[in-house]
Amino acid sequence: MRLWDTHTKDVLSTIGGKEHAGFVKTVVFSPDGSLLAVTARKDNTVQIWDVPNRKTLCRLEGHTTHVYSLAFSPDNKTVITSGWTSKDVTIRLWDTLTGALLASFPDQGAVAFAPDRNTFAGGTHIYTWNPETIQYDRKVRLEDVPKSPLPYPTVLTFSPDGSVVVSGNRDGIVQLRDSTTGKIISEYAGHASSISKLVFSEDGTTLATSSRDGTILVWDWDEVLKGSDQ
């Protein structure tokens, strides 16, 4: 993995090399940029790096298939991961400093934390949990998730204020759901194939979606929300 200076386009450093026994599938920075979580498709692990010091903090081991999705909590203290295939139907919460497994839930699919670290979406549910007791207080099912063979959304994210869960599906549809009830607010077409990424701009005014159809769509979030009121 290479870290690049975005202004000069120079390589700052190269990290890793032999830490994973398979090719790197996913790279995710923590919200403050101090940590980097890296998954490998074939060795079923997640490695967390201390970015300023270019060293490994811990390795997350326990998934029996490669990690499908991962996300950091807003305070950087927790990483959530999801397994892949019917051999590993688990969503797991980990301590980012020690690598200790905090909790495991029988779910699977894309994962995302809300702006407050007490709510996360994983697979087909939205969970409200207590980070101190490592127990979830409640969970609600995402309404009308796509049917089998793969029922869960391909990607998930929360709106900047945490009130909406945005999901991308294999049919190219973007769906908005109430983050408290899981109910669908509205849905939007535009992609012709599975959605691979959902990203909000830093100021929260724009949503970008990418798809395996080779396109990226940029959405005005205020206009999207207006459409959901109709």
Protein backbone atom coordinates (compact mmCIF):
# COMPACT_ATOMS: atom_id res chain seq x y z
CA MET A 1 0.00 0.00 0.00
CA ARG A 2 1.30 3.44 -0.91
CA LEU A 3 0.51 6.75 0.76
CA TRP A 4 0.54 9.70 -1.63
CA ASP A 5 0.84 13.46 -1.19
CA THR A 6 -2.31 14.80 -2.84
CA HIS A 7 -0.66 18.12 -3.76
CA THR A 8 2.69 16.99 -5.16
CA LYS A 9 1.52 13.51 -6.23
CA ASP A 10 4.67 12.08 -4.67
CA VAL A 11 4.74 8.79 -2.78
CA LEU A 12 5.12 9.57 0.94
CA SER A 13 5.77 5.99 1.99
CA THR A 14 5.01 2.38 1.27
CA ILE A 15 3.57 0.31 4.09
CA GLY A 16 2.93 -3.38 4.31
CA GLY A 17 4.24 -5.89 1.85
CA LYS A 18 4.15 -9.24 3.62
CA GLU A 19 1.55 -8.62 6.33
CA HIS A 20 -1.29 -10.11 4.28
CA ALA A 21 -1.41 -13.50 2.63
CA GLY A 22 -3.60 -12.25 -0.19
CA PHE A 23 -4.31 -9.19 -2.29
CA VAL A 24 -5.69 -6.08 -0.58
CA LYS A 25 -9.42 -5.61 -1.11
CA THR A 26 -10.37 -2.57 0.98
CA VAL A 27 -8.55 0.43 2.49
CA VAL A 28 -10.39 2.73 4.92
CA PHE A 29 -9.08 5.69 6.93
CA SER A 30 -10.45 6.50 10.38
CA PRO A 31 -12.39 9.79 10.66
CA ASP A 32 -9.38 11.68 12.04
CA GLY A 33 -6.96 10.13 9.55
CA SER A 34 -4.69 8.64 12.20
CA LEU A 35 -5.62 5.01 11.56
CA LEU A 36 -5.85 2.91 8.44
CA ALA A 37 -7.77 -0.35 8.26
CA VAL A 38 -6.83 -2.74 5.48
CA THR A 39 -8.53 -5.99 4.55
CA ALA A 40 -7.15 -8.84 2.47
CA ARG A 41 -9.48 -10.93 0.37
CA LYS A 42 -7.77 -14.28 0.84
CA ASP A 43 -6.45 -14.30 4.40
CA ASN A 44 -9.74 -13.16 6.05
CA THR A 45 -8.01 -10.57 8.28
CA VAL A 46 -8.08 -6.83 8.90
CA GLN A 47 -4.88 -5.00 9.74
CA ILE A 48 -5.00 -1.63 11.50
CA TRP A 49 -2.11 0.76 10.94
CA ASP A 50 -0.85 3.75 12.90
CA VAL A 51 -0.56 6.16 9.96
CA PRO A 52 1.81 8.83 11.42
CA ASN A 53 4.26 6.17 12.64
CA ARG A 54 3.73 3.76 9.71
CA LYS A 55 3.42 0.76 11.99
CA THR A 56 0.91 -1.99 12.70
CA LEU A 57 -1.31 -1.52 15.74
CA CYS A 58 -3.15 -4.83 15.60
CA ARG A 59 -4.58 -7.53 13.39
CA LEU A 60 -8.26 -8.51 13.55
CA GLU A 61 -8.62 -12.26 13.18
CA GLY A 62 -11.75 -14.40 13.40
CA HIS A 63 -13.67 -14.10 10.13
CA THR A 64 -13.74 -17.40 8.26
CA THR A 65 -14.16 -15.76 4.85
CA HIS A 66 -12.77 -12.52 3.47
CA VAL A 67 -14.13 -9.32 5.00
CA TYR A 68 -16.88 -7.85 2.85
CA SER A 69 -17.23 -4.42 4.46
CA LEU A 70 -15.77 -2.39 7.34
CA ALA A 71 -16.19 1.01 8.98
CA PHE A 72 -14.70 3.05 11.83
CA SER A 73 -16.79 4.59 14.60
CA PRO A 74 -16.72 8.42 14.70
CA ASP A 75 -14.39 8.40 17.73
CA ASN A 76 -11.95 5.92 16.07
CA LYS A 77 -12.30 3.46 18.98
CA THR A 78 -14.28 0.77 17.22
CA VAL A 79 -14.18 -1.00 13.87
CA ILE A 80 -17.17 -2.89 12.52
CA THR A 81 -16.65 -5.67 9.98
CA SER A 82 -18.83 -8.09 8.04
CA GLY A 83 -18.13 -11.58 6.74
CA TRP A 84 -18.86 -12.95 3.28
CA THR A 85 -20.83 -15.97 2.00
CA SER A 86 -23.00 -18.35 4.03
CA LYS A 87 -19.91 -19.65 5.83
CA ASP A 88 -19.50 -16.44 7.84
CA VAL A 89 -22.82 -14.72 8.58
CA THR A 90 -21.40 -12.40 11.25
CA ILE A 91 -21.01 -8.70 11.87
CA ARG A 92 -18.29 -8.00 14.42
CA LEU A 93 -17.24 -5.04 16.56
CA TRP A 94 -13.54 -4.68 17.45
CA ASP A 95 -11.37 -2.49 19.66
CA THR A 96 -9.08 -0.59 17.27
CA LEU A 97 -6.14 -0.34 19.67
CA THR A 98 -6.00 -3.89 21.00
CA GLY A 99 -7.76 -5.84 18.27
CA ALA A 100 -10.05 -7.44 20.86
CA LEU A 101 -13.41 -8.71 19.64
CA LEU A 102 -16.12 -6.73 21.45
CA ALA A 103 -19.30 -8.27 20.05
CA SER A 104 -20.66 -10.39 17.22
CA PHE A 105 -24.10 -10.28 15.59
CA PRO A 106 -25.75 -12.83 13.25
CA ASP A 107 -26.03 -10.55 10.23
CA GLN A 108 -24.14 -9.92 7.01
CA GLY A 109 -23.54 -7.31 4.35
CA ALA A 110 -22.49 -3.67 4.13
CA VAL A 111 -21.78 -1.82 7.40
CA ALA A 112 -21.74 1.85 8.42
CA PHE A 113 -21.60 3.94 11.59
CA ALA A 114 -23.88 6.91 12.23
CA PRO A 115 -22.32 10.28 13.17
CA ASP A 116 -22.98 9.31 16.79
CA ARG A 117 -21.19 6.09 17.71
CA ASN A 118 -24.33 4.66 19.36
CA THR A 119 -25.94 3.67 16.06
CA PHE A 120 -24.71 1.53 13.20
CA ALA A 121 -26.22 -0.22 10.21
CA GLY A 122 -25.15 -3.71 9.28
CA GLY A 123 -26.51 -6.14 6.75
CA THR A 124 -30.29 -5.98 6.98
CA HIS A 125 -30.67 -4.10 10.30
CA ILE A 126 -30.01 -0.83 12.11
CA TYR A 127 -28.61 -1.30 15.59
CA THR A 128 -28.56 1.03 18.57
CA TRP A 129 -25.87 -0.08 21.00
CA ASN A 130 -24.16 0.98 24.21
CA PRO A 131 -20.36 1.20 23.71
CA GLU A 132 -19.80 0.88 27.45
CA THR A 133 -21.71 -2.38 27.95
CA ILE A 134 -21.12 -3.65 24.39
CA GLN A 135 -24.81 -4.57 24.12
CA TYR A 136 -27.33 -3.40 21.57
CA ASP A 137 -30.45 -1.79 22.99
CA ARG A 138 -32.63 -2.28 19.92
CA LYS A 139 -32.52 -3.22 16.28
CA VAL A 140 -34.91 -2.59 13.42
CA ARG A 141 -34.96 -4.33 10.07
CA LEU A 142 -34.38 -2.40 6.88
CA GLU A 143 -37.70 -2.32 5.08
CA ASP A 144 -38.02 -4.14 1.77
CA VAL A 145 -34.41 -5.24 1.32
CA PRO A 146 -33.82 -6.95 -2.04
CA LYS A 147 -34.80 -10.59 -2.16
CA SER A 148 -32.52 -13.64 -2.24
CA PRO A 149 -30.02 -14.93 -3.22
CA LEU A 150 -28.19 -11.91 -1.75
CA PRO A 151 -30.74 -9.94 0.28
CA TYR A 152 -28.62 -7.19 1.78
CA PRO A 153 -27.62 -3.82 0.27
CA THR A 154 -24.20 -3.66 -1.38
CA VAL A 155 -23.25 -0.41 0.40
CA LEU A 156 -24.61 1.69 3.28
CA THR A 157 -23.97 5.13 4.70
CA PHE A 158 -25.68 7.60 7.03
CA SER A 159 -26.66 11.15 6.17
CA PRO A 160 -24.50 13.82 7.88
CA ASP A 161 -27.16 14.41 10.55
CA GLY A 162 -27.73 10.68 11.08
CA SER A 163 -31.43 10.80 10.32
CA VAL A 164 -31.30 8.87 7.05
CA VAL A 165 -29.67 5.59 6.06
CA VAL A 166 -28.71 5.55 2.39
CA SER A 167 -28.34 2.15 0.76
CA GLY A 168 -27.11 1.07 -2.66
CA ASN A 169 -28.37 -2.17 -4.18
CA ARG A 170 -27.45 -4.69 -6.83
CA ASP A 171 -30.18 -3.42 -9.12
CA GLY A 172 -28.62 0.08 -9.22
CA ILE A 173 -31.31 1.66 -7.02
CA VAL A 174 -30.41 4.12 -4.24
CA GLN A 175 -32.81 3.93 -1.28
CA LEU A 176 -33.32 6.34 1.61
CA ARG A 177 -34.62 4.98 4.92
CA ASP A 178 -35.54 6.52 8.24
CA SER A 179 -32.66 5.63 10.57
CA THR A 180 -35.02 5.11 13.52
CA THR A 181 -37.64 2.89 11.90
CA GLY A 182 -35.84 1.43 8.89
CA LYS A 183 -38.80 2.45 6.70
CA ILE A 184 -38.18 3.52 3.10
CA ILE A 185 -38.55 7.26 2.54
CA SER A 186 -37.79 7.31 -1.16
CA GLU A 187 -35.71 5.63 -3.85
CA TYR A 188 -33.86 6.79 -6.94
CA ALA A 189 -32.79 5.12 -10.17
CA GLY A 190 -29.82 6.17 -12.26
CA HIS A 191 -27.34 3.34 -12.33
CA ALA A 192 -27.65 0.30 -14.55
CA SER A 193 -25.76 -2.09 -12.31
CA SER A 194 -24.73 -2.82 -8.72
CA ILE A 195 -23.76 0.22 -6.64
CA SER A 196 -20.24 -0.02 -5.24
CA LYS A 197 -19.77 3.17 -3.19
CA LEU A 198 -21.70 5.96 -1.45
CA VAL A 199 -19.78 9.04 -0.27
CA PHE A 200 -20.95 12.35 1.16
CA SER A 201 -18.92 15.51 0.62
CA GLU A 202 -17.28 16.98 3.70
CA ASP A 203 -19.89 19.74 3.96
CA GLY A 204 -22.73 17.23 3.62
CA THR A 205 -24.37 18.95 0.65
CA THR A 206 -23.50 16.39 -2.01
CA LEU A 207 -23.77 12.62 -2.34
CA ALA A 208 -21.67 10.73 -4.89
CA THR A 209 -22.57 7.20 -5.97
CA SER A 210 -20.48 4.85 -8.11
CA SER A 211 -21.53 1.68 -9.88
CA ARG A 212 -20.15 -1.32 -11.67
CA ASP A 213 -21.75 0.13 -14.77
CA GLY A 214 -18.71 2.44 -14.95
CA THR A 215 -20.51 5.64 -13.93
CA ILE A 216 -20.38 8.06 -11.01
CA LEU A 217 -23.46 10.13 -10.20
CA VAL A 218 -23.37 13.31 -8.09
CA TRP A 219 -26.55 14.20 -6.21
CA ASP A 220 -27.63 17.46 -4.59
CA TRP A 221 -28.58 16.20 -1.13
CA ASP A 222 -31.08 18.98 -0.44
CA GLU A 223 -32.87 18.17 -3.69
CA VAL A 224 -32.83 14.46 -2.85
CA LEU A 225 -34.46 15.20 0.50
CA LYS A 226 -37.06 17.42 -1.17
CA GLY A 227 -37.92 14.54 -3.46
CA SER A 228 -38.43 12.30 -0.44
CA ASP A 229 -41.10 14.68 0.85
CA GLN A 230 -43.19 14.32 -2.26
